Protein backbone atom coordinates (compact mmCIF):
# COMPACT_ATOMS: atom_id res chain seq x y z
CA MET A 1 -19.82 1.08 21.32
CA THR A 2 -16.50 1.66 22.95
CA LEU A 3 -13.21 0.73 21.57
CA ASP A 4 -12.81 -1.97 24.15
CA GLU A 5 -16.23 -3.40 23.18
CA LYS A 6 -15.13 -3.51 19.46
CA LEU A 7 -11.94 -5.04 20.31
CA SER A 8 -13.67 -7.75 22.34
CA ALA A 9 -16.06 -8.43 19.50
CA VAL A 10 -13.15 -8.80 16.84
CA ARG A 11 -11.57 -11.29 19.20
CA THR A 12 -14.71 -13.12 19.56
CA SER A 13 -15.43 -13.28 15.84
CA LEU A 14 -11.90 -14.59 15.20
CA ALA A 15 -11.86 -17.07 17.83
CA GLU A 16 -15.08 -18.65 16.46
CA ARG A 17 -12.98 -19.89 13.41
CA ASP A 18 -10.67 -22.84 13.25
CA GLY A 19 -7.96 -20.72 11.87
CA VAL A 20 -7.20 -17.57 9.94
CA LEU A 21 -4.67 -16.49 7.39
CA VAL A 22 -4.18 -12.70 7.31
CA ALA A 23 -3.17 -10.86 4.17
CA PHE A 24 -0.22 -9.00 5.63
CA SER A 25 1.54 -6.04 4.25
CA GLY A 26 3.24 -5.07 7.51
CA GLY A 27 1.33 -1.90 7.71
CA VAL A 28 -0.62 -0.88 10.57
CA ASP A 29 -4.07 -2.17 9.51
CA SER A 30 -2.90 -5.71 8.76
CA ALA A 31 -0.57 -5.59 11.67
CA VAL A 32 -3.39 -5.01 14.17
CA VAL A 33 -5.50 -7.81 12.57
CA ALA A 34 -2.52 -10.12 12.86
CA THR A 35 -2.15 -9.08 16.45
CA LEU A 36 -5.75 -9.61 17.41
CA ALA A 37 -5.84 -12.95 15.32
CA ARG A 38 -2.86 -14.11 17.37
CA ASP A 39 -4.46 -13.06 20.60
CA ALA A 40 -7.70 -14.92 19.49
CA LEU A 41 -6.26 -18.10 17.97
CA GLY A 42 -2.49 -18.44 18.92
CA ASP A 43 -0.66 -20.66 16.58
CA ASP A 44 -3.89 -21.04 14.38
CA ALA A 45 -3.28 -17.57 13.17
CA VAL A 46 -0.95 -17.10 10.12
CA ALA A 47 0.20 -13.92 8.40
CA CYS A 48 0.98 -14.04 4.73
CA THR A 49 2.66 -11.60 2.50
CA ALA A 50 2.52 -11.62 -1.28
CA ARG A 51 5.88 -10.89 -2.93
CA SER A 52 5.78 -9.38 -6.46
CA GLU A 53 7.29 -6.50 -8.41
CA THR A 54 4.96 -3.96 -6.96
CA LEU A 55 6.13 -4.54 -3.44
CA PRO A 56 9.32 -2.63 -2.57
CA GLU A 57 11.96 -4.60 -0.90
CA ALA A 58 12.03 -2.42 2.12
CA GLU A 59 8.31 -3.12 2.66
CA LEU A 60 8.94 -6.72 2.52
CA GLY A 61 11.62 -6.49 5.11
CA ASP A 62 9.27 -4.54 7.33
CA ALA A 63 6.61 -7.21 6.99
CA LYS A 64 9.00 -9.97 8.03
CA ARG A 65 10.13 -7.86 10.92
CA VAL A 66 6.73 -7.01 12.23
CA ALA A 67 5.52 -10.41 11.95
CA ASP A 68 8.41 -11.50 14.17
CA GLU A 69 7.48 -8.58 16.49
CA ILE A 70 3.81 -9.92 16.80
CA GLY A 71 5.07 -13.50 17.16
CA ILE A 72 2.89 -14.91 14.30
CA ARG A 73 3.70 -17.45 11.72
CA HIS A 74 4.81 -15.69 8.58
CA GLU A 75 4.20 -17.16 5.22
CA LEU A 76 5.40 -15.66 1.75
CA VAL A 77 3.70 -16.31 -1.62
CA GLU A 78 5.03 -15.05 -4.97
CA PHE A 79 3.11 -13.93 -8.02
CA SER A 80 3.48 -11.27 -10.79
CA GLU A 81 0.82 -8.83 -11.57
CA LEU A 82 2.61 -8.17 -14.84
CA ASP A 83 1.36 -11.61 -16.04
CA ASN A 84 -2.07 -10.07 -16.17
CA PRO A 85 -2.63 -7.77 -19.32
CA ASP A 86 -5.57 -6.22 -17.61
CA PHE A 87 -3.29 -5.04 -14.66
CA VAL A 88 -0.58 -3.77 -17.20
CA THR A 89 -3.02 -1.79 -19.12
CA ASN A 90 -3.43 0.38 -15.93
CA ASP A 91 -7.01 1.35 -16.42
CA GLY A 92 -9.32 2.59 -13.57
CA GLU A 93 -9.70 -1.02 -12.35
CA ARG A 94 -5.97 -1.78 -11.84
CA CYS A 95 -6.28 -2.12 -8.17
CA TYR A 96 -9.24 -4.55 -8.60
CA HIS A 97 -7.12 -6.85 -10.73
CA CYS A 98 -4.26 -6.64 -8.35
CA ARG A 99 -6.12 -7.42 -5.25
CA THR A 100 -8.15 -10.32 -7.02
CA MET A 101 -4.73 -11.90 -8.01
CA ARG A 102 -2.92 -11.37 -4.51
CA LEU A 103 -6.04 -12.51 -2.47
CA GLY A 104 -6.21 -15.47 -4.80
CA LYS A 105 -2.68 -16.33 -3.79
CA MET A 106 -3.65 -15.98 -0.25
CA TYR A 107 -6.61 -18.49 -0.58
CA GLU A 108 -4.26 -20.96 -2.42
CA ARG A 109 -1.87 -20.94 0.57
CA ALA A 110 -4.67 -21.05 3.11
CA GLN A 111 -6.08 -24.17 1.39
CA GLU A 112 -2.56 -25.71 1.66
CA LEU A 113 -2.56 -24.93 5.37
CA GLY A 114 -6.11 -26.18 5.97
CA ILE A 115 -7.38 -22.82 6.70
CA ASP A 116 -10.83 -21.65 5.68
CA THR A 117 -10.69 -17.94 6.43
CA VAL A 118 -8.62 -15.27 4.81
CA CYS A 119 -8.69 -11.87 6.61
CA ASP A 120 -7.38 -8.42 5.60
CA GLY A 121 -6.84 -5.02 7.14
CA THR A 122 -9.74 -3.16 5.48
CA ASN A 123 -11.02 -0.80 8.14
CA ALA A 124 -14.18 1.18 8.51
CA SER A 125 -12.62 4.38 7.13
CA ASP A 126 -11.64 2.84 3.87
CA PRO A 127 -14.90 2.58 2.00
CA GLY A 128 -15.31 6.42 2.16
CA GLU A 129 -11.83 7.31 0.78
CA GLY A 130 -12.61 7.90 -2.98
CA HIS A 131 -12.00 5.39 -5.83
CA ARG A 132 -11.16 2.09 -4.18
CA PRO A 133 -11.89 -0.79 -6.76
CA GLY A 134 -9.78 -3.04 -4.72
CA LEU A 135 -12.44 -3.16 -2.13
CA ARG A 136 -14.65 -4.87 -4.62
CA ALA A 137 -12.32 -7.79 -4.90
CA VAL A 138 -12.38 -8.17 -1.05
CA GLU A 139 -16.14 -8.36 -1.33
CA GLU A 140 -16.26 -10.86 -4.22
CA LEU A 141 -13.68 -13.14 -2.60
CA GLU A 142 -15.52 -13.01 0.68
CA VAL A 143 -12.41 -11.89 2.54
CA PHE A 144 -13.26 -11.31 6.20
CA SER A 145 -12.44 -7.82 7.24
CA PRO A 146 -12.74 -7.81 11.13
CA LEU A 147 -11.91 -4.13 11.39
CA LEU A 148 -14.69 -3.17 8.88
CA ALA A 149 -17.09 -5.69 10.37
CA HIS A 150 -16.84 -4.07 13.64
CA ASP A 151 -16.55 -0.48 12.64
CA ILE A 152 -13.09 0.25 13.69
CA THR A 153 -11.79 3.33 12.02
CA LYS A 154 -8.23 4.30 10.91
CA ASP A 155 -7.77 6.53 14.08
CA GLU A 156 -8.88 3.69 16.19
CA VAL A 157 -6.52 1.19 14.39
CA ARG A 158 -3.57 3.47 15.39
CA GLU A 159 -4.82 3.72 18.97
CA ILE A 160 -4.89 -0.12 19.16
CA ALA A 161 -1.46 -0.38 17.71
CA ASP A 162 -0.24 1.99 20.30
CA ARG A 163 -1.93 -0.10 23.08
CA TYR A 164 0.02 -3.15 21.78
CA ASP A 165 3.24 -0.99 21.42
CA LEU A 166 3.40 -1.96 17.72
CA SER A 167 6.36 -0.33 15.93
CA VAL A 168 4.13 0.58 13.00
CA ALA A 169 1.59 2.50 14.94
CA ASP A 170 2.50 5.77 13.41
CA LYS A 171 3.65 4.21 10.00
CA PRO A 172 2.32 6.19 6.97
CA SER A 173 0.23 4.33 4.54
CA MET A 174 2.15 2.80 1.75
CA ALA A 175 0.49 1.65 -1.38
CA CYS A 176 2.17 -0.75 -3.98
CA LEU A 177 4.61 0.75 -6.54
CA SER A 178 2.06 0.69 -9.41
CA SER A 179 0.10 3.51 -7.63
CA ARG A 180 2.95 5.76 -8.78
CA ILE A 181 2.13 5.36 -12.40
CA PRO A 182 -0.86 7.47 -13.76
CA THR A 183 -3.91 5.60 -14.89
CA GLY A 184 -3.62 5.00 -18.65
CA LEU A 185 0.08 4.64 -18.75
CA GLU A 186 1.27 1.04 -18.93
CA VAL A 187 2.93 -0.51 -16.00
CA THR A 188 6.34 -2.17 -16.74
CA GLU A 189 8.88 -3.72 -14.61
CA GLU A 190 11.14 -0.94 -15.71
CA LYS A 191 9.05 1.64 -14.27
CA LEU A 192 8.36 -0.07 -11.10
CA SER A 193 12.12 -0.59 -10.53
CA ARG A 194 13.02 3.00 -11.09
CA VAL A 195 10.20 4.33 -8.80
CA GLU A 196 11.39 2.05 -6.06
CA LYS A 197 15.08 3.17 -6.48
CA ALA A 198 13.90 6.89 -6.62
CA GLU A 199 11.84 6.50 -3.42
CA ARG A 200 14.83 4.81 -1.75
CA VAL A 201 16.57 8.31 -2.14
CA LEU A 202 13.83 10.01 -0.09
CA ARG A 203 13.70 7.42 2.41
CA THR A 204 17.60 7.79 2.92
CA TRP A 205 17.09 11.47 3.29
CA GLY A 206 14.72 10.93 6.15
CA PHE A 207 11.26 11.71 4.46
CA THR A 208 8.45 9.84 6.03
CA GLN A 209 5.40 10.35 3.79
CA PHE A 210 6.25 10.58 0.11
CA ARG A 211 5.72 9.32 -3.44
CA VAL A 212 7.57 9.66 -6.67
CA ARG A 213 5.13 9.61 -9.66
CA ASP A 214 6.41 8.27 -12.86
CA HIS A 215 4.74 10.41 -15.69
CA ASP A 216 6.25 8.50 -18.52
CA GLY A 217 9.69 9.88 -17.75
CA LEU A 218 8.82 12.79 -15.81
CA ALA A 219 9.36 12.39 -11.96
CA ARG A 220 6.85 14.08 -9.64
CA ILE A 221 7.97 14.04 -6.15
CA GLU A 222 5.38 14.39 -3.46
CA VAL A 223 6.22 15.01 0.15
CA SER A 224 3.96 15.87 3.16
CA GLU A 225 3.28 19.54 3.73
CA GLU A 226 5.37 19.33 7.02
CA GLU A 227 8.39 18.24 4.93
CA LEU A 228 8.17 20.57 2.01
CA ASP A 229 10.71 22.89 3.48
CA ASP A 230 13.12 19.92 3.60
CA ALA A 231 12.46 18.93 -0.03
CA LEU A 232 13.63 22.60 -1.06
CA ASP A 233 16.89 22.08 0.64
CA PRO A 234 19.52 22.56 -1.87
CA GLU A 235 21.59 19.66 -1.08
CA PHE A 236 18.50 17.38 -1.42
CA VAL A 237 17.41 19.00 -4.66
CA ARG A 238 20.77 18.30 -6.23
CA ALA A 239 20.86 14.80 -4.90
CA ALA A 240 17.37 13.99 -5.99
CA ARG A 241 17.82 15.59 -9.31
CA ASP A 242 21.03 13.78 -10.08
CA HIS A 243 19.99 10.36 -8.84
CA LEU A 244 16.69 10.31 -10.53
CA SER A 245 18.29 11.45 -13.73
CA ASP A 246 20.67 8.68 -13.47
CA LEU A 247 17.78 6.14 -13.12
CA GLY A 248 16.46 7.35 -16.42
CA PHE A 249 13.89 10.20 -15.66
CA ASP A 250 13.96 13.04 -18.13
CA HIS A 251 12.75 15.51 -15.73
CA VAL A 252 12.46 15.71 -12.07
CA THR A 253 9.90 18.02 -10.40
CA LEU A 254 8.54 18.76 -7.00
CA ASP A 255 4.75 18.89 -6.56
CA LEU A 256 3.87 21.96 -4.51
CA HIS A 257 0.51 20.44 -3.73
CA GLY A 258 2.35 18.19 -1.47
CA TYR A 259 1.60 14.39 -0.92
CA GLN A 260 -1.88 13.30 -1.68
CA THR A 261 -3.17 9.80 -1.85
CA GLY A 262 -4.47 8.64 -5.28
CA SER A 263 -3.27 11.78 -7.15
CA VAL A 264 -2.84 9.77 -10.27
CA SER A 265 -5.99 7.68 -10.02
CA PRO A 266 -9.41 8.45 -11.52
CA ALA A 267 -12.06 10.31 -9.33
CA ASN A 268 -9.49 11.95 -7.15
CA GLU A 269 -11.19 15.09 -5.84
CA ALA A 270 -8.00 17.04 -5.32
CA TYR A 271 -7.20 16.96 -8.87
CA ASP A 272 -10.64 17.08 -10.45
CA GLU A 273 -10.36 20.86 -11.39
CA GLU A 274 -6.85 20.63 -12.85
CA PRO A 275 -5.10 18.37 -15.36
CA LEU A 276 -2.30 16.01 -14.10
CA VAL A 277 1.39 16.98 -14.61
CA ALA A 278 1.69 14.65 -17.46
CA ASP A 279 -0.95 16.62 -19.34
CA VAL A 280 0.27 20.06 -18.20
CA PHE A 281 3.62 19.57 -20.05
CA ALA A 282 2.39 17.33 -22.78
CA GLU A 283 3.24 19.73 -25.54
CA ASP A 284 6.52 21.09 -24.01
CA TYR A 285 8.26 18.07 -22.62
CA PRO A 286 9.34 14.92 -24.56
CA THR A 287 8.24 11.52 -23.39
CA ARG A 288 10.46 8.49 -23.37
CA LYS A 289 9.77 5.98 -26.11
């Protein structure tokens, strides 16, 4: 099936519904779904962003801007993952607990608006990308994933975004802030806040694909392979070291593996054969109490 045929099928499947609420992060996947929903349903399509401690303010700003760019109505819901002890514990099912709460709030808002269908941006490439417990929540809550249902891959999502001239067509993936905290270490508001502030430094310096992982007081900076040279610039090194130390990190490191998705989660193939940084330095480096 060609991409044009897939797009036609998505629009048809959306148009058959009385209305849809799109779980909207402002990333390329949800932006494409929101755009197609707007095409198919007009004002009966609504985008909804969930605001919580794990969403960086910069991402919330982007979501508002992109919704306006698409021309779709934009709703906000608020909740706190930190109210759920299963999430705070940060075991291998953290994303499942988070997605369940987040989508639950989406359904509440959809019900208030008289909308039966909640959509998300899961695409056909997602199920094959390692440990993804959040997808189980999508299935259990019967969220409609039009990109997945019609076999639209990540590369095709970006092609669609290009066709619609969406500003997020080339935007790197951005997981929630809790993904920076290794599995097994408790998620706290303090850690989420300092990670957000730490990543603001990298964004200010022009990095595009990056993470700051918080290993209980040890900051592990990941940047894309193409940006490693920039991360070794002495001026940036000094700025990152000084600013992150001021935020409360005991040690600031650069990961020479570069940026890798899920590098602190279980079942990550790239790290199966070697321990995480937190384990490497466990005997030599103090941890924060």
